[in-house]
Amino acid sequence: MPMVVLETERLTLRAFTESLIDDVLAVMTDPETRRWLPLPEPGRPYTRADAEEWCRTTAPSMRASGEGQQWAATVTATGGFAGAVGLLRTHWPSLVTEVGYWFSPRLRGSGLATEAVTAVSRWAILDQEMQRVELKAATGNTASRRVAEKAGFTFEGVERNAMPLHKGRTDLAVYSLIPSDL
């Protein structure tokens, strides 16, 4: 995928850099973020080394490999780190990808996650010609499910016992956005 900067009304979506390591660490060690994201793997704490790996290696290599693309979401007016949004599990032969995101606890409820997800999913469909963008959220993660709905995704159903979390597994609500939805 090409590295692009996307701009919305309030956000600049750009590449992760080393300057964001501390910001990534702060968000990814937030208990509510950790509740729904089994990163780096279930049951293991998120460390500074994980944040360094994400900013220096993981996020850039996803784009280079074609697996997806990760953007650091920054508030345009201040330059402050807001969170992350990205495409993952991209399957080029079928033109299907998945959008994922996580945002700073201090900005939750601001509509920024919806703004970022909308921009990235539309870029995937309109510029990369994806035929399906999926969004999956734990069924109990009502905030993420609201983001999907506000971004125009259609609820399709539940994948039972689909994702490991830190204590057990969870069902995932599956949403999609296709070109005719735009």
C-alpha atoms as a PDB file:
ATOM      1  CA  MET A   1       0.000   0.000   0.000  1.00  0.00           C
ATOM      2  CA  PRO A   2       1.223   3.501  -0.629  1.00  0.00           C
ATOM      3  CA  MET A   3       2.058   5.596   2.443  1.00  0.00           C
ATOM      4  CA  VAL A   4      -0.334   8.484   2.438  1.00  0.00           C
ATOM      5  CA  VAL A   5      -1.288  11.185   4.857  1.00  0.00           C
ATOM      6  CA  LEU A   6      -5.030  11.532   5.297  1.00  0.00           C
ATOM      7  CA  GLU A   7      -6.668  14.649   6.689  1.00  0.00           C
ATOM      8  CA  THR A   8     -10.116  14.995   8.178  1.00  0.00           C
ATOM      9  CA  GLU A   9     -11.846  17.982   9.696  1.00  0.00           C
ATOM     10  CA  ARG A  10      -9.942  17.582  12.985  1.00  0.00           C
ATOM     11  CA  LEU A  11      -7.285  14.921  12.425  1.00  0.00           C
ATOM     12  CA  THR A  12      -4.109  14.294  10.509  1.00  0.00           C
ATOM     13  CA  LEU A  13      -3.484  10.596   9.930  1.00  0.00           C
ATOM     14  CA  ARG A  14       0.195   9.937   9.336  1.00  0.00           C
ATOM     15  CA  ALA A  15       2.936   7.379   9.785  1.00  0.00           C
ATOM     16  CA  PHE A  16       4.048   6.292  13.230  1.00  0.00           C
ATOM     17  CA  THR A  17       7.454   7.665  14.225  1.00  0.00           C
ATOM     18  CA  GLU A  18       9.795   7.211  17.161  1.00  0.00           C
ATOM     19  CA  SER A  19       8.537  10.491  18.607  1.00  0.00           C
ATOM     20  CA  LEU A  20       5.224   8.749  19.402  1.00  0.00           C
ATOM     21  CA  ILE A  21       6.618   5.880  21.489  1.00  0.00           C
ATOM     22  CA  ASP A  22       5.682   7.436  24.839  1.00  0.00           C
ATOM     23  CA  ASP A  23       2.202   8.326  23.572  1.00  0.00           C
ATOM     24  CA  VAL A  24       1.606   4.797  22.283  1.00  0.00           C
ATOM     25  CA  LEU A  25       2.787   3.358  25.601  1.00  0.00           C
ATOM     26  CA  ALA A  26       0.437   5.638  27.565  1.00  0.00           C
ATOM     27  CA  VAL A  27      -2.635   4.644  25.552  1.00  0.00           C
ATOM     28  CA  MET A  28      -1.797   0.959  25.357  1.00  0.00           C
ATOM     29  CA  THR A  29      -1.327   0.667  29.126  1.00  0.00           C
ATOM     30  CA  ASP A  30      -4.719   2.246  29.841  1.00  0.00           C
ATOM     31  CA  PRO A  31      -6.882  -0.409  31.560  1.00  0.00           C
ATOM     32  CA  GLU A  32      -9.946   0.182  29.334  1.00  0.00           C
ATOM     33  CA  THR A  33      -7.840  -0.068  26.173  1.00  0.00           C
ATOM     34  CA  ARG A  34      -6.235  -3.251  27.475  1.00  0.00           C
ATOM     35  CA  ARG A  35      -9.648  -4.676  28.335  1.00  0.00           C
ATOM     36  CA  TRP A  36     -10.569  -4.989  24.651  1.00  0.00           C
ATOM     37  CA  LEU A  37      -7.205  -5.376  22.899  1.00  0.00           C
ATOM     38  CA  PRO A  38      -5.175  -8.543  23.420  1.00  0.00           C
ATOM     39  CA  LEU A  39      -1.944  -6.783  22.469  1.00  0.00           C
ATOM     40  CA  PRO A  40       0.838  -7.692  22.373  1.00  0.00           C
ATOM     41  CA  GLU A  41      -0.703 -11.040  23.341  1.00  0.00           C
ATOM     42  CA  PRO A  42      -3.311 -12.066  25.908  1.00  0.00           C
ATOM     43  CA  GLY A  43      -2.130 -11.966  29.489  1.00  0.00           C
ATOM     44  CA  ARG A  44       1.161 -10.138  28.878  1.00  0.00           C
ATOM     45  CA  PRO A  45       1.558  -6.501  29.912  1.00  0.00           C
ATOM     46  CA  TYR A  46       2.258  -3.904  27.238  1.00  0.00           C
ATOM     47  CA  THR A  47       5.787  -2.550  27.688  1.00  0.00           C
ATOM     48  CA  ARG A  48       7.925   0.275  26.367  1.00  0.00           C
ATOM     49  CA  ALA A  49       9.703  -2.295  24.188  1.00  0.00           C
ATOM     50  CA  ASP A  50       6.314  -3.142  22.635  1.00  0.00           C
ATOM     51  CA  ALA A  51       5.635   0.540  21.892  1.00  0.00           C
ATOM     52  CA  GLU A  52       9.101   0.904  20.369  1.00  0.00           C
ATOM     53  CA  GLU A  53       8.552  -2.179  18.207  1.00  0.00           C
ATOM     54  CA  TRP A  54       5.144  -0.881  17.079  1.00  0.00           C
ATOM     55  CA  CYS A  55       6.443   2.546  16.034  1.00  0.00           C
ATOM     56  CA  ARG A  56       9.762   1.417  14.551  1.00  0.00           C
ATOM     57  CA  THR A  57       8.966  -1.978  13.018  1.00  0.00           C
ATOM     58  CA  THR A  58       5.433  -3.374  13.148  1.00  0.00           C
ATOM     59  CA  ALA A  59       3.442  -0.428  11.772  1.00  0.00           C
ATOM     60  CA  PRO A  60       5.927   0.332   8.944  1.00  0.00           C
ATOM     61  CA  SER A  61       6.310  -3.323   7.960  1.00  0.00           C
ATOM     62  CA  MET A  62       2.551  -3.848   7.595  1.00  0.00           C
ATOM     63  CA  ARG A  63       2.486  -1.288   4.810  1.00  0.00           C
ATOM     64  CA  ALA A  64       5.664  -2.579   3.179  1.00  0.00           C
ATOM     65  CA  SER A  65       4.358  -6.161   3.152  1.00  0.00           C
ATOM     66  CA  GLY A  66       0.943  -5.192   1.805  1.00  0.00           C
ATOM     67  CA  GLU A  67      -0.786  -6.660   4.861  1.00  0.00           C
ATOM     68  CA  GLY A  68      -2.264  -3.289   5.763  1.00  0.00           C
ATOM     69  CA  GLN A  69      -1.390   0.190   6.896  1.00  0.00           C
ATOM     70  CA  GLN A  70      -1.327   1.911  10.258  1.00  0.00           C
ATOM     71  CA  TRP A  71      -1.808   5.617  10.848  1.00  0.00           C
ATOM     72  CA  ALA A  72      -1.060   7.671  13.919  1.00  0.00           C
ATOM     73  CA  ALA A  73      -4.057   9.938  14.442  1.00  0.00           C
ATOM     74  CA  THR A  74      -2.979  13.384  15.590  1.00  0.00           C
ATOM     75  CA  VAL A  75      -5.184  16.352  16.402  1.00  0.00           C
ATOM     76  CA  THR A  76      -4.462  18.814  13.604  1.00  0.00           C
ATOM     77  CA  ALA A  77      -4.915  21.934  15.753  1.00  0.00           C
ATOM     78  CA  THR A  78      -2.433  20.841  18.436  1.00  0.00           C
ATOM     79  CA  GLY A  79      -0.351  18.055  16.914  1.00  0.00           C
ATOM     80  CA  GLY A  80      -1.198  15.923  19.944  1.00  0.00           C
ATOM     81  CA  PHE A  81      -1.454  12.156  19.635  1.00  0.00           C
ATOM     82  CA  ALA A  82      -5.058  10.931  19.596  1.00  0.00           C
ATOM     83  CA  GLY A  83      -4.707   7.252  18.781  1.00  0.00           C
ATOM     84  CA  ALA A  84      -4.307   4.803  15.951  1.00  0.00           C
ATOM     85  CA  VAL A  85      -6.369   3.628  13.032  1.00  0.00           C
ATOM     86  CA  GLY A  86      -5.326   1.114  10.446  1.00  0.00           C
ATOM     87  CA  LEU A  87      -6.048  -1.538   7.914  1.00  0.00           C
ATOM     88  CA  LEU A  88      -5.026  -5.090   8.673  1.00  0.00           C
ATOM     89  CA  ARG A  89      -5.503  -8.601   7.344  1.00  0.00           C
ATOM     90  CA  THR A  90      -5.703  -7.176   3.827  1.00  0.00           C
ATOM     91  CA  HIS A  91      -6.409  -9.866   1.258  1.00  0.00           C
ATOM     92  CA  TRP A  92      -5.597  -8.394  -2.133  1.00  0.00           C
ATOM     93  CA  PRO A  93      -6.991 -11.216  -4.332  1.00  0.00           C
ATOM     94  CA  SER A  94     -10.474 -10.689  -2.877  1.00  0.00           C
ATOM     95  CA  LEU A  95     -10.016  -6.934  -2.194  1.00  0.00           C
ATOM     96  CA  VAL A  96     -11.040  -7.297   1.448  1.00  0.00           C
ATOM     97  CA  THR A  97      -9.466  -5.604   4.445  1.00  0.00           C
ATOM     98  CA  GLU A  98     -10.283  -4.924   8.081  1.00  0.00           C
ATOM     99  CA  VAL A  99     -10.149  -1.597   9.895  1.00  0.00           C
ATOM    100  CA  GLY A 100      -9.057  -1.401  13.516  1.00  0.00           C
ATOM    101  CA  TYR A 101      -8.464   1.458  15.929  1.00  0.00           C
ATOM    102  CA  TRP A 102      -7.637   2.506  19.461  1.00  0.00           C
ATOM    103  CA  PHE A 103      -7.793   6.003  20.931  1.00  0.00           C
ATOM    104  CA  SER A 104      -6.570   7.895  23.947  1.00  0.00           C
ATOM    105  CA  PRO A 105      -8.882   7.636  26.959  1.00  0.00           C
ATOM    106  CA  ARG A 106      -8.972  11.438  27.239  1.00  0.00           C
ATOM    107  CA  LEU A 107     -10.460  11.718  23.737  1.00  0.00           C
ATOM    108  CA  ARG A 108     -13.023   8.936  23.879  1.00  0.00           C
ATOM    109  CA  GLY A 109     -16.522  10.134  23.150  1.00  0.00           C
ATOM    110  CA  SER A 110     -15.227  13.042  21.043  1.00  0.00           C
ATOM    111  CA  GLY A 111     -16.128  11.464  17.703  1.00  0.00           C
ATOM    112  CA  LEU A 112     -12.471  11.343  16.625  1.00  0.00           C
ATOM    113  CA  ALA A 113     -12.426   7.551  16.297  1.00  0.00           C
ATOM    114  CA  THR A 114     -15.472   7.697  14.023  1.00  0.00           C
ATOM    115  CA  GLU A 115     -13.844  10.460  11.982  1.00  0.00           C
ATOM    116  CA  ALA A 116     -10.658   8.406  11.560  1.00  0.00           C
ATOM    117  CA  VAL A 117     -12.443   5.141  10.752  1.00  0.00           C
ATOM    118  CA  THR A 118     -14.622   6.916   8.191  1.00  0.00           C
ATOM    119  CA  ALA A 119     -11.599   8.466   6.460  1.00  0.00           C
ATOM    120  CA  VAL A 120      -9.557   5.259   6.336  1.00  0.00           C
ATOM    121  CA  SER A 121     -12.401   2.987   5.244  1.00  0.00           C
ATOM    122  CA  ARG A 122     -13.425   5.360   2.461  1.00  0.00           C
ATOM    123  CA  TRP A 123      -9.809   5.694   1.337  1.00  0.00           C
ATOM    124  CA  ALA A 124      -9.601   1.895   1.181  1.00  0.00           C
ATOM    125  CA  ILE A 125     -12.721   1.668  -0.985  1.00  0.00           C
ATOM    126  CA  LEU A 126     -12.326   4.752  -3.165  1.00  0.00           C
ATOM    127  CA  ASP A 127      -8.547   4.901  -3.617  1.00  0.00           C
ATOM    128  CA  GLN A 128      -7.471   1.283  -3.144  1.00  0.00           C
ATOM    129  CA  GLU A 129     -10.612  -0.189  -4.737  1.00  0.00           C
ATOM    130  CA  MET A 130     -11.352  -2.516  -1.825  1.00  0.00           C
ATOM    131  CA  GLN A 131     -14.683  -4.242  -2.245  1.00  0.00           C
ATOM    132  CA  ARG A 132     -15.229  -4.883   1.454  1.00  0.00           C
ATOM    133  CA  VAL A 133     -13.934  -3.277   4.629  1.00  0.00           C
ATOM    134  CA  GLU A 134     -14.665  -5.250   7.770  1.00  0.00           C
ATOM    135  CA  LEU A 135     -14.777  -3.968  11.313  1.00  0.00           C
ATOM    136  CA  LYS A 136     -14.868  -6.391  14.238  1.00  0.00           C
ATOM    137  CA  ALA A 137     -15.431  -5.469  17.867  1.00  0.00           C
ATOM    138  CA  ALA A 138     -15.992  -7.486  21.003  1.00  0.00           C
ATOM    139  CA  THR A 139     -19.732  -7.739  21.523  1.00  0.00           C
ATOM    140  CA  GLY A 140     -19.367  -6.124  24.939  1.00  0.00           C
ATOM    141  CA  ASN A 141     -17.346  -3.193  23.603  1.00  0.00           C
ATOM    142  CA  THR A 142     -20.285  -0.849  23.077  1.00  0.00           C
ATOM    143  CA  ALA A 143     -18.086   2.180  22.341  1.00  0.00           C
ATOM    144  CA  SER A 144     -16.369   0.458  19.410  1.00  0.00           C
ATOM    145  CA  ARG A 145     -19.675  -0.842  18.146  1.00  0.00           C
ATOM    146  CA  ARG A 146     -21.048   2.712  18.155  1.00  0.00           C
ATOM    147  CA  VAL A 147     -18.037   3.842  16.109  1.00  0.00           C
ATOM    148  CA  ALA A 148     -18.857   1.192  13.493  1.00  0.00           C
ATOM    149  CA  GLU A 149     -22.478   2.263  13.288  1.00  0.00           C
ATOM    150  CA  LYS A 150     -21.699   6.002  13.165  1.00  0.00           C
ATOM    151  CA  ALA A 151     -19.117   5.376  10.411  1.00  0.00           C
ATOM    152  CA  GLY A 152     -21.815   3.782   8.251  1.00  0.00           C
ATOM    153  CA  PHE A 153     -20.930   0.115   8.659  1.00  0.00           C
ATOM    154  CA  THR A 154     -23.652  -2.542   8.511  1.00  0.00           C
ATOM    155  CA  PHE A 155     -23.936  -5.080  11.318  1.00  0.00           C
ATOM    156  CA  GLU A 156     -23.789  -8.604   9.894  1.00  0.00           C
ATOM    157  CA  GLY A 157     -23.745 -10.880  12.907  1.00  0.00           C
ATOM    158  CA  VAL A 158     -21.552 -12.399  15.592  1.00  0.00           C
ATOM    159  CA  GLU A 159     -18.463 -14.586  15.314  1.00  0.00           C
ATOM    160  CA  ARG A 160     -18.734 -16.730  18.399  1.00  0.00           C
ATOM    161  CA  ASN A 161     -15.702 -17.269  20.650  1.00  0.00           C
ATOM    162  CA  ALA A 162     -13.591 -15.568  17.981  1.00  0.00           C
ATOM    163  CA  MET A 163     -10.923 -13.622  19.850  1.00  0.00           C
ATOM    164  CA  PRO A 164      -8.702 -14.361  22.822  1.00  0.00           C
ATOM    165  CA  LEU A 165      -8.677 -11.697  25.486  1.00  0.00           C
ATOM    166  CA  HIS A 166      -6.654 -11.475  28.654  1.00  0.00           C
ATOM    167  CA  LYS A 167      -9.084 -13.711  30.518  1.00  0.00           C
ATOM    168  CA  GLY A 168     -10.738 -16.188  28.201  1.00  0.00           C
ATOM    169  CA  ARG A 169     -12.265 -15.473  24.810  1.00  0.00           C
ATOM    170  CA  THR A 170     -14.942 -13.159  23.443  1.00  0.00           C
ATOM    171  CA  ASP A 171     -17.481 -13.060  20.662  1.00  0.00           C
ATOM    172  CA  LEU A 172     -16.951 -10.478  17.919  1.00  0.00           C
ATOM    173  CA  ALA A 173     -19.643  -8.305  16.348  1.00  0.00           C
ATOM    174  CA  VAL A 174     -18.945  -8.187  12.601  1.00  0.00           C
ATOM    175  CA  TYR A 175     -19.647  -5.086  10.522  1.00  0.00           C
ATOM    176  CA  SER A 176     -18.922  -4.297   6.890  1.00  0.00           C
ATOM    177  CA  LEU A 177     -18.754  -1.386   4.480  1.00  0.00           C
ATOM    178  CA  ILE A 178     -18.915  -1.996   0.735  1.00  0.00           C
ATOM    179  CA  PRO A 179     -18.753   0.401  -2.244  1.00  0.00           C
ATOM    180  CA  SER A 180     -22.537   0.591  -2.664  1.00  0.00           C
ATOM    181  CA  ASP A 181     -22.820   1.825   0.949  1.00  0.00           C
ATOM    182  CA  LEU A 182     -21.011   5.045   0.076  1.00  0.00           C
END
